[in-house]
Amino acid sequence: MSGSTLIMVALAGIFLLLFLVIRTKLHAFVALLLVSLLVGIAAGMPLNEVITSIQNGMGGTLGFVAVVVGLGAMFGKMLEVSGGAERLAATMISKFGEDKAQWALGVTGFIVAIPVFFDVGFIILVPIVYGLARKTGKSLLHYGIPLLAGLAVTHSFIPPTPGPIAVAELVGAELGWVILFGVIAGVPAMILAGPVFGRFIGKRIHIEIPDYMEIEQKEYDKDLPSFGMITSLILIPLVLILLNTLSGVLLEEGNMLREILTFLGHPFVALTIATLLTFYLLGTKRGYSRQEVQDIATKALEPAGIIILVTGAGGVFKQVLIDSGVGDVLGDMMGDSALPPIVLAFLIATAVRVAQGSATVAMVTAAGLITPLLEMIGMTGPALGLIVISIASGATVLSHVNDSGFWLVNRYFGMDVKDTLKSWTVMETIIGLTGFVVVLIISFFI
């Protein structure tokens, strides 16, 4: 089959995927599997090889992603039920002072979203935003945008959140580099989209607490876990994974310390250690029975399961593209482009994000499309970490009415669509563009 025909097959597959997700509302997991099947058949693959590609794509991706996302979800659920997120927020606000509460909320969101899903973190912490707005008379956006920016940045950029985990696995990037570049890109993104933009938009759009929201006044007492314990539990897996990556760069092969750090810093081991510590320190030690801890962990896997399956289907799509030969043609076509891979990755993710709304689908689709090019040019190491953040940035920008996050914020803040576009959509776009600019600058030096 000619290269031009294979390109047409790939484009038709992408348009069909968007049609199925947007127009027919078919679940992304089923849509990705169906499109993968049809692309493989249309590209002329033998039918038994199409099935083999699907099996290999799903198994190869989930062998890593399922373990990491599953452990991360249980870790985050224990933090949620123990009151760890509230403790972080209360301590930050008391340390920063109410006059710098915007910064406190931005930093709190940034830390909380490492183990806790974005929407859960927002729902837990939004009463604090309500309380500050009522006390000061300022717009909800003055405090809400910094919190949302902190949550959104980490949700998109820093493992073990599912998005960057999925993209890292699909493109073959080390998590240590992804964490490092995610933090480097994420901090300025959080500052610009959070306290800076929050102060700006809060003066222009005055939003009060919606009447239909039941305001729960929370008293932060001594029963909450300590600030030091919560921050330590969150940092343990990140530090171990980073040490693993750095030891591979700084220590020679065969060095005993390098072998130990490589083992402890593997995401499987690092997250297992952190999760077991949360079970004990935030669970049994604080009065939960072993059965209750088990029930909490089981409950955590319900939302994680959907993310794991969609990511696995993204792996199937990537594998079919590669095995059918479409990937090679796509890689050649992209390679002939004057644009560097980091820019292409951003633009592909942005296009899919705007078209269908889901950041996860945008990430796995962009990763599947760009991987053949990365393999063709032999990109490795830190450069792949930059590609992950570039894709994550593109999958963050221009959130609008087809994104569930848009409506979550719209309802909790009682805004109309126009004001949600002016606040939430602009905030998300600032995050994505800042992250992209930072990794693009870093790419000139790597």
Protein backbone atom coordinates (compact mmCIF):
# COMPACT_ATOMS: atom_id res chain seq x y z
CA MET A 1 0.00 0.00 0.00
CA SER A 2 1.37 3.42 -0.92
CA GLY A 3 2.48 5.98 1.64
CA SER A 4 -0.22 8.45 0.61
CA THR A 5 -2.93 5.81 1.06
CA LEU A 6 -1.64 4.97 4.54
CA ILE A 7 -1.68 8.66 5.45
CA MET A 8 -5.31 8.85 4.30
CA VAL A 9 -6.09 5.81 6.46
CA ALA A 10 -4.48 7.50 9.49
CA LEU A 11 -6.34 10.77 8.91
CA ALA A 12 -9.63 8.95 8.41
CA GLY A 13 -9.00 7.07 11.66
CA ILE A 14 -8.39 10.29 13.59
CA PHE A 15 -11.51 11.96 12.17
CA LEU A 16 -13.57 8.85 12.95
CA LEU A 17 -12.22 8.85 16.52
CA LEU A 18 -13.23 12.48 16.99
CA PHE A 19 -16.66 11.83 15.44
CA LEU A 20 -17.34 8.84 17.69
CA VAL A 21 -16.29 10.68 20.87
CA ILE A 22 -17.89 14.05 20.06
CA ARG A 23 -21.04 13.26 18.08
CA THR A 24 -22.08 9.75 19.08
CA LYS A 25 -20.79 10.12 22.67
CA LEU A 26 -19.20 6.68 22.43
CA HIS A 27 -16.91 6.05 25.39
CA ALA A 28 -13.29 6.89 24.58
CA PHE A 29 -12.13 3.36 25.51
CA VAL A 30 -14.48 1.71 23.01
CA ALA A 31 -13.90 4.42 20.38
CA LEU A 32 -10.10 4.00 20.52
CA LEU A 33 -10.38 0.20 20.25
CA LEU A 34 -12.83 0.38 17.34
CA VAL A 35 -10.73 2.92 15.42
CA SER A 36 -7.59 0.83 16.05
CA LEU A 37 -9.33 -2.23 14.57
CA LEU A 38 -10.53 -0.32 11.51
CA VAL A 39 -7.18 1.39 10.88
CA GLY A 40 -5.38 -1.96 11.03
CA ILE A 41 -7.82 -3.55 8.58
CA ALA A 42 -7.86 -0.54 6.24
CA ALA A 43 -4.05 -0.45 6.23
CA GLY A 44 -4.01 -4.01 4.88
CA MET A 45 -2.83 -5.88 7.98
CA PRO A 46 -3.73 -9.58 8.14
CA LEU A 47 -6.72 -9.95 10.48
CA ASN A 48 -4.87 -12.15 12.98
CA GLU A 49 -2.07 -9.56 13.18
CA VAL A 50 -4.61 -6.82 13.96
CA ILE A 51 -5.72 -8.83 17.00
CA THR A 52 -2.10 -9.46 18.02
CA SER A 53 -1.32 -5.74 17.78
CA ILE A 54 -4.29 -4.91 19.98
CA GLN A 55 -3.20 -7.47 22.56
CA ASN A 56 0.42 -6.30 22.53
CA GLY A 57 -0.56 -2.63 22.65
CA MET A 58 -2.90 -3.12 25.59
CA GLY A 59 -0.58 -5.43 27.52
CA GLY A 60 2.58 -3.44 26.86
CA THR A 61 1.00 -0.22 28.06
CA LEU A 62 -0.95 -1.51 31.05
CA GLY A 63 1.95 -3.57 32.38
CA PHE A 64 3.31 -0.26 33.66
CA VAL A 65 0.38 2.16 33.76
CA ALA A 66 -2.07 -0.05 35.65
CA VAL A 67 0.36 -0.58 38.53
CA VAL A 68 1.38 3.07 38.85
CA VAL A 69 -2.09 4.60 38.44
CA GLY A 70 -3.64 1.99 40.76
CA LEU A 71 -1.12 2.58 43.54
CA GLY A 72 -1.33 6.34 43.04
CA ALA A 73 -5.13 6.26 43.33
CA MET A 74 -5.04 4.34 46.63
CA PHE A 75 -2.34 6.65 47.97
CA GLY A 76 -4.46 9.69 47.07
CA LYS A 77 -7.68 8.24 48.49
CA MET A 78 -6.05 7.75 51.90
CA LEU A 79 -4.87 11.36 51.80
CA GLU A 80 -8.39 12.46 50.92
CA VAL A 81 -10.31 10.58 53.64
CA SER A 82 -7.78 11.39 56.38
CA GLY A 83 -8.18 15.14 55.92
CA GLY A 84 -4.65 15.56 54.61
CA ALA A 85 -5.71 18.02 51.89
CA GLU A 86 -7.50 20.23 54.43
CA ARG A 87 -4.46 20.15 56.70
CA LEU A 88 -2.23 21.31 53.85
CA ALA A 89 -4.59 24.17 53.00
CA ALA A 90 -5.12 25.28 56.60
CA THR A 91 -1.38 25.26 57.36
CA MET A 92 -0.48 27.07 54.16
CA ILE A 93 -3.01 29.83 54.76
CA SER A 94 -1.86 30.29 58.36
CA LYS A 95 1.80 30.43 57.24
CA PHE A 96 1.26 32.77 54.30
CA GLY A 97 -1.40 34.90 56.02
CA GLU A 98 -4.79 35.80 54.57
CA ASP A 99 -3.32 38.67 52.53
CA LYS A 100 -1.24 36.10 50.62
CA ALA A 101 -3.95 33.43 50.62
CA GLN A 102 -3.83 33.31 46.80
CA TRP A 103 -0.27 31.99 46.96
CA ALA A 104 -1.18 29.58 49.74
CA LEU A 105 -4.04 28.15 47.67
CA GLY A 106 -1.87 27.88 44.54
CA VAL A 107 0.85 25.99 46.39
CA THR A 108 -1.73 23.83 48.18
CA GLY A 109 -3.37 22.88 44.89
CA PHE A 110 0.05 22.14 43.37
CA ILE A 111 0.91 19.71 46.20
CA VAL A 112 -2.53 18.15 46.72
CA ALA A 113 -3.00 17.21 43.04
CA ILE A 114 0.13 15.03 43.06
CA PRO A 115 -1.71 12.13 44.73
CA VAL A 116 -5.36 13.30 44.48
CA PHE A 117 -7.43 13.53 41.27
CA PHE A 118 -8.11 17.10 40.08
CA ASP A 119 -11.89 17.13 40.58
CA VAL A 120 -11.64 15.49 44.01
CA GLY A 121 -9.01 17.99 45.17
CA PHE A 122 -11.16 20.89 43.98
CA ILE A 123 -14.34 19.64 45.68
CA ILE A 124 -12.46 19.05 48.96
CA LEU A 125 -10.86 22.49 48.99
CA VAL A 126 -13.54 24.73 47.44
CA PRO A 127 -15.19 25.42 50.86
CA ILE A 128 -11.95 27.20 51.86
CA VAL A 129 -12.32 29.43 48.77
CA TYR A 130 -15.94 30.17 49.76
CA GLY A 131 -14.88 31.02 53.32
CA LEU A 132 -12.14 33.44 52.22
CA ALA A 133 -14.41 35.14 49.66
CA ARG A 134 -17.17 35.62 52.25
CA LYS A 135 -14.72 36.97 54.82
CA THR A 136 -13.00 39.48 52.49
CA GLY A 137 -15.86 40.32 50.13
CA LYS A 138 -13.64 39.61 47.12
CA SER A 139 -14.66 37.70 44.00
CA LEU A 140 -14.58 33.90 44.22
CA LEU A 141 -12.20 34.02 41.25
CA HIS A 142 -9.62 35.95 43.31
CA TYR A 143 -9.06 32.81 45.42
CA GLY A 144 -10.54 30.12 43.20
CA ILE A 145 -8.32 30.64 40.15
CA PRO A 146 -5.04 30.18 42.12
CA LEU A 147 -6.39 26.94 43.64
CA LEU A 148 -7.57 25.69 40.24
CA ALA A 149 -4.24 26.63 38.63
CA GLY A 150 -2.25 24.71 41.24
CA LEU A 151 -4.46 21.65 40.85
CA ALA A 152 -4.52 21.82 37.03
CA VAL A 153 -0.76 22.26 36.61
CA THR A 154 0.12 19.22 38.69
CA HIS A 155 -2.74 17.18 37.21
CA SER A 156 -1.26 17.74 33.73
CA PHE A 157 2.49 17.86 34.35
CA ILE A 158 3.64 15.84 37.35
CA PRO A 159 3.46 12.03 37.85
CA PRO A 160 1.99 9.98 39.45
CA THR A 161 -1.07 11.75 38.01
CA PRO A 162 -2.47 9.60 35.18
CA GLY A 163 -1.97 11.96 32.19
CA PRO A 164 1.82 12.30 32.27
CA ILE A 165 2.12 8.64 33.37
CA ALA A 166 0.22 7.54 30.25
CA VAL A 167 2.20 9.75 27.86
CA ALA A 168 5.54 8.80 29.44
CA GLU A 169 4.80 5.12 28.94
CA LEU A 170 3.58 5.57 25.36
CA VAL A 171 6.63 7.58 24.23
CA GLY A 172 9.11 5.68 26.43
CA ALA A 173 10.17 8.56 28.71
CA GLU A 174 11.68 8.06 32.20
CA LEU A 175 9.40 9.35 34.94
CA GLY A 176 12.29 11.07 36.70
CA TRP A 177 12.82 13.43 33.75
CA VAL A 178 9.06 13.99 33.46
CA ILE A 179 8.82 14.94 37.16
CA LEU A 180 11.85 17.25 36.91
CA PHE A 181 10.67 19.08 33.78
CA GLY A 182 7.07 19.03 35.02
CA VAL A 183 8.10 20.94 38.15
CA ILE A 184 10.35 23.35 36.21
CA ALA A 185 7.54 24.13 33.75
CA GLY A 186 4.76 23.87 36.30
CA VAL A 187 5.94 26.42 38.86
CA PRO A 188 5.95 29.45 36.50
CA ALA A 189 2.71 28.18 34.92
CA MET A 190 1.05 28.02 38.36
CA ILE A 191 2.28 31.51 39.29
CA LEU A 192 1.14 33.18 36.05
CA ALA A 193 -2.18 31.35 35.73
CA GLY A 194 -2.86 31.37 39.49
CA PRO A 195 -2.07 34.37 41.73
CA VAL A 196 -1.18 36.72 38.86
CA PHE A 197 -4.18 35.99 36.62
CA GLY A 198 -6.46 35.39 39.62
CA ARG A 199 -5.79 38.91 40.92
CA PHE A 200 -6.41 40.33 37.43
CA ILE A 201 -9.65 38.50 36.65
CA GLY A 202 -10.98 38.79 40.20
CA LYS A 203 -11.07 42.58 39.81
CA ARG A 204 -12.95 42.38 36.51
CA ILE A 205 -15.50 39.65 37.21
CA HIS A 206 -17.10 39.67 40.66
CA ILE A 207 -18.51 36.24 41.43
CA GLU A 208 -20.29 35.51 44.70
CA ILE A 209 -21.01 32.14 46.26
CA PRO A 210 -23.97 30.62 44.37
CA ASP A 211 -27.17 30.25 46.41
CA TYR A 212 -27.55 26.57 45.54
CA MET A 213 -24.20 25.58 47.07
CA GLU A 214 -24.50 24.22 50.58
CA ILE A 215 -21.61 25.81 52.45
CA GLU A 216 -20.03 23.50 54.92
CA GLN A 217 -18.06 25.38 57.56
CA LYS A 218 -15.05 23.28 58.50
CA GLU A 219 -13.12 23.67 61.70
CA TYR A 220 -9.55 22.48 61.30
CA ASP A 221 -8.75 20.82 64.56
CA LYS A 222 -5.92 18.74 65.96
CA ASP A 223 -7.50 15.52 64.70
CA LEU A 224 -6.19 16.20 61.18
CA PRO A 225 -2.84 14.59 60.28
CA SER A 226 0.22 16.82 60.66
CA PHE A 227 1.45 19.04 57.83
CA GLY A 228 4.93 17.48 58.02
CA MET A 229 3.58 13.96 57.68
CA ILE A 230 1.42 14.81 54.67
CA THR A 231 4.18 16.65 52.78
CA SER A 232 6.67 13.86 53.58
CA LEU A 233 4.31 11.16 52.28
CA ILE A 234 3.76 13.08 49.04
CA LEU A 235 7.46 13.79 48.53
CA ILE A 236 8.73 10.25 49.26
CA PRO A 237 7.82 8.69 45.86
CA LEU A 238 8.83 11.81 43.91
CA VAL A 239 12.26 12.03 45.57
CA LEU A 240 12.92 8.29 45.14
CA ILE A 241 12.00 8.41 41.43
CA LEU A 242 14.19 11.49 40.89
CA LEU A 243 17.12 9.87 42.71
CA ASN A 244 16.75 6.83 40.44
CA THR A 245 17.00 9.03 37.33
CA LEU A 246 19.89 11.15 38.64
CA SER A 247 21.87 8.10 39.82
CA GLY A 248 21.70 6.75 36.26
CA VAL A 249 23.34 9.96 35.06
CA LEU A 250 25.86 10.58 37.87
CA LEU A 251 26.95 7.08 38.95
CA GLU A 252 28.65 4.47 36.80
CA GLU A 253 27.05 1.14 35.98
CA GLY A 254 27.74 -1.57 38.53
CA ASN A 255 27.93 0.90 41.41
CA MET A 256 26.11 -0.59 44.43
CA LEU A 257 24.50 2.72 45.42
CA ARG A 258 23.20 3.14 41.87
CA GLU A 259 21.65 -0.35 41.93
CA ILE A 260 19.93 0.34 45.25
CA LEU A 261 18.62 3.74 44.12
CA THR A 262 17.49 2.26 40.79
CA PHE A 263 15.48 -0.37 42.65
CA LEU A 264 13.98 1.93 45.30
CA GLY A 265 13.32 4.64 42.73
CA HIS A 266 11.46 2.47 40.26
CA PRO A 267 7.87 3.82 40.23
CA PHE A 268 6.52 0.41 41.29
CA VAL A 269 8.70 0.28 44.41
CA ALA A 270 8.53 4.01 45.25
CA LEU A 271 4.73 4.11 45.08
CA THR A 272 4.35 0.80 46.93
CA ILE A 273 6.45 2.21 49.80
CA ALA A 274 4.43 5.45 49.85
CA THR A 275 1.08 3.64 49.66
CA LEU A 276 1.94 1.22 52.49
CA LEU A 277 3.05 4.16 54.64
CA THR A 278 -0.25 5.97 54.01
CA PHE A 279 -2.20 2.82 54.89
CA TYR A 280 -0.40 2.71 58.24
CA LEU A 281 0.17 6.38 59.14
CA LEU A 282 -3.13 7.77 57.80
CA GLY A 283 -5.14 4.57 58.26
CA THR A 284 -4.56 2.04 61.04
CA LYS A 285 -2.52 4.42 63.22
CA ARG A 286 -5.37 6.96 63.12
CA GLY A 287 -8.08 4.52 64.19
CA TYR A 288 -9.23 2.93 60.93
CA SER A 289 -9.69 -0.85 61.03
CA ARG A 290 -7.85 -2.99 58.52
CA GLN A 291 -11.15 -3.70 56.79
CA GLU A 292 -11.89 0.03 56.51
CA VAL A 293 -8.47 0.68 54.98
CA GLN A 294 -9.09 -2.13 52.51
CA ASP A 295 -12.51 -0.68 51.61
CA ILE A 296 -11.00 2.79 51.06
CA ALA A 297 -8.30 1.32 48.79
CA THR A 298 -10.90 -0.65 46.81
CA LYS A 299 -13.08 2.46 46.37
CA ALA A 300 -10.05 4.33 45.01
CA LEU A 301 -9.73 1.94 42.09
CA GLU A 302 -13.16 2.79 40.62
CA PRO A 303 -12.18 6.10 38.92
CA ALA A 304 -8.67 4.79 38.29
CA GLY A 305 -10.05 1.87 36.27
CA ILE A 306 -11.56 4.15 33.61
CA ILE A 307 -8.29 6.06 33.19
CA ILE A 308 -6.29 2.83 33.03
CA LEU A 309 -8.52 1.38 30.28
CA VAL A 310 -8.51 4.56 28.17
CA THR A 311 -4.71 4.69 28.46
CA GLY A 312 -4.48 1.04 27.44
CA ALA A 313 -6.66 1.75 24.41
CA GLY A 314 -4.28 4.60 23.56
CA GLY A 315 -1.48 2.04 23.64
CA VAL A 316 -3.48 -0.14 21.24
CA PHE A 317 -3.90 2.79 18.84
CA LYS A 318 -0.16 3.48 18.93
CA GLN A 319 0.72 -0.20 18.36
CA VAL A 320 -1.63 -0.56 15.39
CA LEU A 321 -0.17 2.60 13.82
CA ILE A 322 3.33 1.15 14.18
CA ASP A 323 2.57 -2.45 13.12
CA SER A 324 0.47 -1.43 10.11
CA GLY A 325 3.22 0.74 8.69
CA VAL A 326 1.12 3.87 9.07
CA GLY A 327 3.46 4.98 11.85
CA ASP A 328 6.52 4.87 9.60
CA VAL A 329 4.80 6.98 6.97
CA LEU A 330 3.55 9.41 9.62
CA GLY A 331 7.07 9.57 11.05
CA ASP A 332 8.56 10.31 7.62
CA MET A 333 5.92 12.97 6.97
CA MET A 334 6.50 14.65 10.33
CA GLY A 335 10.25 14.29 9.88
CA ASP A 336 10.01 16.26 6.64
CA SER A 337 8.21 19.03 8.49
CA ALA A 338 10.22 22.15 9.33
CA LEU A 339 8.77 22.02 12.84
CA PRO A 340 10.76 20.32 15.63
CA PRO A 341 9.14 17.28 17.32
CA ILE A 342 8.44 19.23 20.53
CA VAL A 343 6.33 21.75 18.58
CA LEU A 344 4.56 19.05 16.56
CA ALA A 345 3.69 17.18 19.77
CA PHE A 346 2.18 20.35 21.26
CA LEU A 347 0.16 21.18 18.13
CA ILE A 348 -1.25 17.65 17.72
CA ALA A 349 -2.32 17.51 21.39
CA THR A 350 -3.87 20.99 21.11
CA ALA A 351 -5.88 20.07 18.01
CA VAL A 352 -7.32 16.91 19.58
CA ARG A 353 -7.99 18.71 22.89
CA VAL A 354 -9.96 21.53 21.25
CA ALA A 355 -11.90 19.11 19.07
CA GLN A 356 -13.10 16.64 21.69
CA GLY A 357 -12.42 18.11 25.14
CA SER A 358 -10.86 15.24 27.08
CA ALA A 359 -7.27 15.96 28.12
CA THR A 360 -6.61 12.22 28.58
CA VAL A 361 -7.79 11.35 25.06
CA ALA A 362 -5.78 14.27 23.64
CA MET A 363 -2.66 13.05 25.44
CA VAL A 364 -2.87 9.39 24.41
CA THR A 365 -3.82 10.25 20.81
CA ALA A 366 -0.96 12.76 20.43
CA ALA A 367 1.49 10.31 22.03
CA GLY A 368 0.39 7.55 19.63
CA LEU A 369 0.82 9.79 16.60
CA ILE A 370 4.19 11.30 17.56
CA THR A 371 5.89 8.08 18.79
CA PRO A 372 6.84 6.78 15.30
CA LEU A 373 8.70 10.04 14.63
CA LEU A 374 10.51 9.85 17.98
CA GLU A 375 11.59 6.27 17.23
CA MET A 376 12.67 7.21 13.71
CA ILE A 377 14.95 10.04 14.88
CA GLY A 378 16.18 8.04 17.89
CA MET A 379 15.12 10.55 20.55
CA THR A 380 16.00 9.36 24.07
CA GLY A 381 16.61 10.46 27.66
CA PRO A 382 15.73 13.96 28.84
CA ALA A 383 14.41 14.96 25.39
CA LEU A 384 11.55 12.45 25.75
CA GLY A 385 10.69 14.01 29.12
CA LEU A 386 10.32 17.36 27.36
CA ILE A 387 8.04 15.78 24.74
CA VAL A 388 5.76 14.48 27.52
CA ILE A 389 5.36 17.97 29.02
CA SER A 390 4.85 19.46 25.55
CA ILE A 391 1.98 17.01 24.89
CA ALA A 392 0.56 17.68 28.36
CA SER A 393 0.70 21.42 27.66
CA GLY A 394 -1.17 21.05 24.36
CA ALA A 395 -3.79 18.86 26.08
CA THR A 396 -4.38 21.61 28.68
CA VAL A 397 -5.00 24.72 26.57
CA LEU A 398 -8.38 26.06 25.45
CA SER A 399 -10.66 24.03 27.72
CA HIS A 400 -14.20 24.93 26.69
CA VAL A 401 -17.76 23.59 26.67
CA ASN A 402 -16.79 20.04 25.64
CA ASP A 403 -14.58 19.56 28.74
CA SER A 404 -16.06 18.25 32.00
CA GLY A 405 -13.67 20.47 34.01
CA PHE A 406 -15.25 23.54 32.41
CA TRP A 407 -18.69 22.62 33.77
CA LEU A 408 -17.37 21.57 37.19
CA VAL A 409 -15.96 25.08 37.72
CA ASN A 410 -19.00 26.69 36.08
CA ARG A 411 -21.38 25.06 38.58
CA TYR A 412 -19.30 25.43 41.76
CA PHE A 413 -18.70 29.12 41.08
CA GLY A 414 -22.18 29.81 39.68
CA MET A 415 -20.89 31.49 36.52
CA ASP A 416 -22.43 31.79 33.08
CA VAL A 417 -20.64 30.33 30.06
CA LYS A 418 -19.13 33.69 29.01
CA ASP A 419 -17.49 34.31 32.40
CA THR A 420 -16.28 30.68 32.57
CA LEU A 421 -14.58 31.16 29.20
CA LYS A 422 -12.99 34.42 30.40
CA SER A 423 -11.68 32.84 33.61
CA TRP A 424 -11.27 29.04 33.50
CA THR A 425 -10.49 28.78 29.76
CA VAL A 426 -7.95 31.61 29.86
CA MET A 427 -6.34 30.11 32.99
CA GLU A 428 -5.97 26.69 31.32
CA THR A 429 -4.51 28.33 28.20
CA ILE A 430 -1.96 30.29 30.26
CA ILE A 431 -0.90 27.02 31.93
CA GLY A 432 -0.51 25.19 28.61
CA LEU A 433 1.33 27.99 26.81
CA THR A 434 3.67 28.67 29.75
CA GLY A 435 4.52 24.98 30.08
CA PHE A 436 5.18 24.72 26.35
CA VAL A 437 7.39 27.84 26.24
CA VAL A 438 9.46 26.58 29.19
CA VAL A 439 10.13 23.12 27.68
CA LEU A 440 10.80 24.66 24.27
CA ILE A 441 13.49 26.88 25.81
CA ILE A 442 14.98 23.91 27.71
CA SER A 443 15.04 21.89 24.47
CA PHE A 444 17.57 24.31 22.95
CA PHE A 445 20.06 23.25 25.65
CA ILE A 446 19.46 19.47 25.63
